[in-house]
């Protein structure tokens, strides 16, 4: 079972993939942000090519645990991913 990890930023999306056992991870090339559709399409290509079973997205919460502006943007991106993929996210 491979896990895809995403670090969603304003200009780039950092990407890493686990080994098949889910024990170790290695970085993949960073994705340059383009548009919501192109970003999710690029992620879909990785999901299909690497046989991904689960997606993990980093959530930038504040030190007090609250969700700031960037965290709300990432949460919106996660909702887009949930609509696109039938995978645990």
N, C-alpha and C. Protein backbone atom coordinates (compact mmCIF):
# COMPACT_ATOMS: atom_id res chain seq x y z
N UNK A 1 0.84 -1.18 0.00
CA UNK A 1 0.00 0.00 0.00
C UNK A 1 0.89 1.24 0.00
N UNK A 2 0.84 2.01 -1.04
CA UNK A 2 1.64 3.23 -1.12
C UNK A 2 0.82 4.43 -0.64
N UNK A 3 1.50 5.30 0.09
CA UNK A 3 0.88 6.52 0.60
C UNK A 3 1.55 7.70 -0.10
N UNK A 4 0.73 8.60 -0.62
CA UNK A 4 1.22 9.82 -1.26
C UNK A 4 1.09 10.96 -0.27
N UNK A 5 2.18 11.67 -0.03
CA UNK A 5 2.18 12.81 0.90
C UNK A 5 2.33 14.09 0.10
N UNK A 6 1.49 15.08 0.43
CA UNK A 6 1.51 16.36 -0.27
C UNK A 6 1.73 17.49 0.71
N UNK A 7 2.57 18.44 0.33
CA UNK A 7 2.79 19.67 1.09
C UNK A 7 2.37 20.81 0.16
N UNK A 8 1.14 21.27 0.35
CA UNK A 8 0.52 22.23 -0.57
C UNK A 8 0.94 23.65 -0.20
N UNK A 9 1.63 24.29 -1.11
CA UNK A 9 2.04 25.68 -0.92
C UNK A 9 1.36 26.57 -1.94
N UNK A 10 1.70 27.85 -1.87
CA UNK A 10 1.10 28.82 -2.77
C UNK A 10 1.56 28.64 -4.21
N UNK A 11 2.86 28.34 -4.40
CA UNK A 11 3.44 28.23 -5.74
C UNK A 11 3.79 26.81 -6.14
N UNK A 12 4.00 25.94 -5.16
CA UNK A 12 4.43 24.57 -5.42
C UNK A 12 3.69 23.59 -4.52
N UNK A 13 3.71 22.32 -4.94
CA UNK A 13 3.21 21.23 -4.11
C UNK A 13 4.36 20.24 -3.94
N UNK A 14 4.81 20.09 -2.70
CA UNK A 14 5.83 19.10 -2.41
C UNK A 14 5.20 17.71 -2.42
N UNK A 15 5.92 16.73 -2.96
CA UNK A 15 5.36 15.39 -3.13
C UNK A 15 6.35 14.35 -2.64
N UNK A 16 5.84 13.37 -1.89
CA UNK A 16 6.64 12.22 -1.47
C UNK A 16 5.76 10.98 -1.55
N UNK A 17 6.39 9.84 -1.72
CA UNK A 17 5.66 8.57 -1.84
C UNK A 17 6.31 7.54 -0.93
N UNK A 18 5.48 6.73 -0.30
CA UNK A 18 6.02 5.68 0.57
C UNK A 18 6.40 4.47 -0.26
N UNK A 19 7.17 3.58 0.36
CA UNK A 19 7.42 2.29 -0.26
C UNK A 19 6.12 1.48 -0.15
N UNK A 20 6.11 0.29 -0.72
CA UNK A 20 4.88 -0.51 -0.75
C UNK A 20 4.43 -0.96 0.63
N UNK A 21 5.35 -1.03 1.59
CA UNK A 21 4.98 -1.42 2.95
C UNK A 21 4.56 -0.22 3.79
N UNK A 22 4.78 0.98 3.28
CA UNK A 22 4.42 2.18 4.03
C UNK A 22 5.40 2.52 5.14
N UNK A 23 6.63 2.01 5.04
CA UNK A 23 7.62 2.23 6.10
C UNK A 23 8.51 3.43 5.83
N UNK A 24 8.93 3.59 4.59
CA UNK A 24 9.84 4.69 4.25
C UNK A 24 9.22 5.53 3.14
N UNK A 25 9.74 6.73 2.98
CA UNK A 25 9.23 7.61 1.93
C UNK A 25 10.40 8.23 1.18
N UNK A 26 10.14 8.56 -0.06
CA UNK A 26 11.14 9.28 -0.85
C UNK A 26 10.45 10.41 -1.59
N UNK A 27 11.18 11.48 -1.78
CA UNK A 27 10.63 12.63 -2.47
C UNK A 27 10.46 12.37 -3.96
N UNK A 28 9.45 13.00 -4.51
CA UNK A 28 9.23 13.01 -5.95
C UNK A 28 9.40 14.46 -6.42
N UNK A 29 9.49 14.68 -7.72
CA UNK A 29 9.64 16.06 -8.19
C UNK A 29 8.48 16.95 -7.70
N UNK A 30 8.84 18.16 -7.33
CA UNK A 30 7.86 19.14 -6.88
C UNK A 30 6.96 19.54 -8.04
N UNK A 31 5.68 19.71 -7.75
CA UNK A 31 4.73 20.16 -8.76
C UNK A 31 4.59 21.68 -8.68
N UNK A 32 4.70 22.35 -9.81
CA UNK A 32 4.45 23.79 -9.85
C UNK A 32 2.94 24.00 -9.93
N UNK A 33 2.41 24.84 -9.04
CA UNK A 33 0.97 25.11 -9.05
C UNK A 33 0.60 25.82 -10.34
N UNK A 34 -0.52 25.38 -10.94
CA UNK A 34 -1.01 26.01 -12.17
C UNK A 34 -2.46 26.44 -12.00
N UNK A 35 -3.34 25.47 -11.93
CA UNK A 35 -4.76 25.73 -11.69
C UNK A 35 -5.29 24.53 -10.91
N UNK A 36 -6.47 24.67 -10.33
CA UNK A 36 -7.04 23.57 -9.56
C UNK A 36 -7.14 22.31 -10.41
N UNK A 37 -7.63 22.45 -11.63
CA UNK A 37 -7.80 21.28 -12.50
C UNK A 37 -6.45 20.66 -12.89
N UNK A 38 -5.48 21.49 -13.26
CA UNK A 38 -4.17 20.96 -13.65
C UNK A 38 -3.44 20.34 -12.47
N UNK A 39 -3.59 20.96 -11.29
CA UNK A 39 -2.94 20.41 -10.09
C UNK A 39 -3.51 19.03 -9.76
N UNK A 40 -4.84 18.91 -9.75
CA UNK A 40 -5.43 17.61 -9.42
C UNK A 40 -5.16 16.58 -10.51
N UNK A 41 -5.06 17.02 -11.75
CA UNK A 41 -4.72 16.10 -12.85
C UNK A 41 -3.29 15.57 -12.68
N UNK A 42 -2.36 16.44 -12.30
CA UNK A 42 -0.98 16.00 -12.06
C UNK A 42 -0.92 15.01 -10.91
N UNK A 43 -1.70 15.26 -9.87
CA UNK A 43 -1.75 14.33 -8.73
C UNK A 43 -2.40 13.02 -9.17
N UNK A 44 -3.43 13.09 -9.99
CA UNK A 44 -4.09 11.88 -10.49
C UNK A 44 -3.11 11.01 -11.27
N UNK A 45 -2.24 11.63 -12.05
CA UNK A 45 -1.23 10.87 -12.79
C UNK A 45 -0.31 10.11 -11.85
N UNK A 46 0.09 10.76 -10.76
CA UNK A 46 0.96 10.10 -9.78
C UNK A 46 0.21 8.96 -9.09
N UNK A 47 -1.05 9.22 -8.71
CA UNK A 47 -1.86 8.20 -8.03
C UNK A 47 -1.97 6.95 -8.90
N UNK A 48 -2.23 7.15 -10.18
CA UNK A 48 -2.37 6.00 -11.08
C UNK A 48 -1.03 5.31 -11.34
N UNK A 49 0.00 6.10 -11.62
CA UNK A 49 1.31 5.55 -11.95
C UNK A 49 1.93 4.78 -10.78
N UNK A 50 1.75 5.28 -9.57
CA UNK A 50 2.38 4.68 -8.39
C UNK A 50 1.45 3.77 -7.59
N UNK A 51 0.22 3.56 -8.08
CA UNK A 51 -0.77 2.70 -7.39
C UNK A 51 -0.97 3.15 -5.94
N UNK A 52 -1.28 4.41 -5.77
CA UNK A 52 -1.46 5.01 -4.44
C UNK A 52 -2.77 4.54 -3.83
N UNK A 53 -2.73 4.18 -2.54
CA UNK A 53 -3.92 3.72 -1.82
C UNK A 53 -4.45 4.77 -0.84
N UNK A 54 -3.63 5.76 -0.51
CA UNK A 54 -4.02 6.78 0.47
C UNK A 54 -3.23 8.06 0.21
N UNK A 55 -3.85 9.20 0.48
CA UNK A 55 -3.19 10.49 0.33
C UNK A 55 -3.17 11.19 1.68
N UNK A 56 -2.01 11.74 2.03
CA UNK A 56 -1.85 12.52 3.26
C UNK A 56 -1.46 13.93 2.86
N UNK A 57 -2.13 14.91 3.44
CA UNK A 57 -1.86 16.31 3.12
C UNK A 57 -1.45 17.04 4.40
N UNK A 58 -0.32 17.74 4.36
CA UNK A 58 0.12 18.52 5.51
C UNK A 58 -0.82 19.69 5.76
N UNK A 59 -1.20 19.88 7.02
CA UNK A 59 -2.11 20.96 7.40
C UNK A 59 -1.36 21.97 8.25
N UNK A 60 -1.20 23.20 7.76
CA UNK A 60 -0.44 24.21 8.49
C UNK A 60 -1.27 24.88 9.59
N UNK A 61 -1.44 24.21 10.71
CA UNK A 61 -2.21 24.79 11.82
C UNK A 61 -1.32 25.74 12.62
N UNK A 62 -1.94 26.70 13.27
CA UNK A 62 -1.22 27.66 14.12
C UNK A 62 -0.75 26.96 15.39
N UNK A 63 0.16 27.60 16.10
CA UNK A 63 0.68 27.02 17.34
C UNK A 63 -0.41 26.75 18.36
N UNK A 64 -1.47 27.56 18.33
CA UNK A 64 -2.58 27.36 19.28
C UNK A 64 -3.60 26.34 18.77
N UNK A 65 -3.32 25.73 17.61
CA UNK A 65 -4.20 24.71 17.06
C UNK A 65 -5.29 25.24 16.15
N UNK A 66 -5.37 26.55 15.99
CA UNK A 66 -6.42 27.12 15.14
C UNK A 66 -6.01 27.05 13.66
N UNK A 67 -7.02 27.17 12.81
CA UNK A 67 -6.78 27.14 11.38
C UNK A 67 -6.73 28.57 10.86
N UNK A 68 -5.58 28.97 10.35
CA UNK A 68 -5.42 30.29 9.77
C UNK A 68 -5.83 30.28 8.30
N UNK A 69 -5.51 31.37 7.62
CA UNK A 69 -5.89 31.52 6.21
C UNK A 69 -5.31 30.40 5.35
N UNK A 70 -4.03 30.12 5.50
CA UNK A 70 -3.39 29.08 4.67
C UNK A 70 -3.99 27.71 4.95
N UNK A 71 -4.28 27.41 6.21
CA UNK A 71 -4.88 26.11 6.55
C UNK A 71 -6.27 25.98 5.91
N UNK A 72 -7.02 27.07 5.89
CA UNK A 72 -8.35 27.02 5.24
C UNK A 72 -8.20 26.79 3.73
N UNK A 73 -7.17 27.39 3.13
CA UNK A 73 -6.93 27.15 1.70
C UNK A 73 -6.56 25.69 1.45
N UNK A 74 -5.72 25.13 2.30
CA UNK A 74 -5.33 23.72 2.16
C UNK A 74 -6.55 22.82 2.37
N UNK A 75 -7.40 23.17 3.34
CA UNK A 75 -8.62 22.38 3.58
C UNK A 75 -9.51 22.39 2.34
N UNK A 76 -9.59 23.52 1.65
CA UNK A 76 -10.35 23.58 0.40
C UNK A 76 -9.74 22.69 -0.67
N UNK A 77 -8.41 22.66 -0.74
CA UNK A 77 -7.72 21.80 -1.69
C UNK A 77 -8.00 20.33 -1.37
N UNK A 78 -8.01 19.99 -0.09
CA UNK A 78 -8.33 18.62 0.34
C UNK A 78 -9.74 18.25 -0.11
N UNK A 79 -10.69 19.16 0.03
CA UNK A 79 -12.05 18.88 -0.42
C UNK A 79 -12.09 18.62 -1.92
N UNK A 80 -11.31 19.37 -2.70
CA UNK A 80 -11.21 19.11 -4.14
C UNK A 80 -10.66 17.71 -4.41
N UNK A 81 -9.65 17.31 -3.64
CA UNK A 81 -9.09 15.97 -3.80
C UNK A 81 -10.11 14.90 -3.46
N UNK A 82 -10.88 15.11 -2.40
CA UNK A 82 -11.90 14.13 -2.00
C UNK A 82 -12.96 13.95 -3.08
N UNK A 83 -13.29 15.03 -3.77
CA UNK A 83 -14.26 14.92 -4.86
C UNK A 83 -13.68 14.16 -6.05
N UNK A 84 -12.38 14.27 -6.24
CA UNK A 84 -11.73 13.67 -7.41
C UNK A 84 -11.37 12.20 -7.20
N UNK A 85 -10.95 11.84 -5.98
CA UNK A 85 -10.44 10.50 -5.72
C UNK A 85 -11.31 9.74 -4.73
N UNK A 86 -11.41 8.45 -4.94
CA UNK A 86 -12.09 7.57 -3.99
C UNK A 86 -11.04 6.88 -3.13
N UNK A 87 -10.27 7.69 -2.44
CA UNK A 87 -9.19 7.20 -1.58
C UNK A 87 -9.30 7.88 -0.22
N UNK A 88 -8.79 7.23 0.83
CA UNK A 88 -8.70 7.94 2.11
C UNK A 88 -7.75 9.13 1.97
N UNK A 89 -8.20 10.28 2.44
CA UNK A 89 -7.37 11.49 2.40
C UNK A 89 -7.38 12.10 3.79
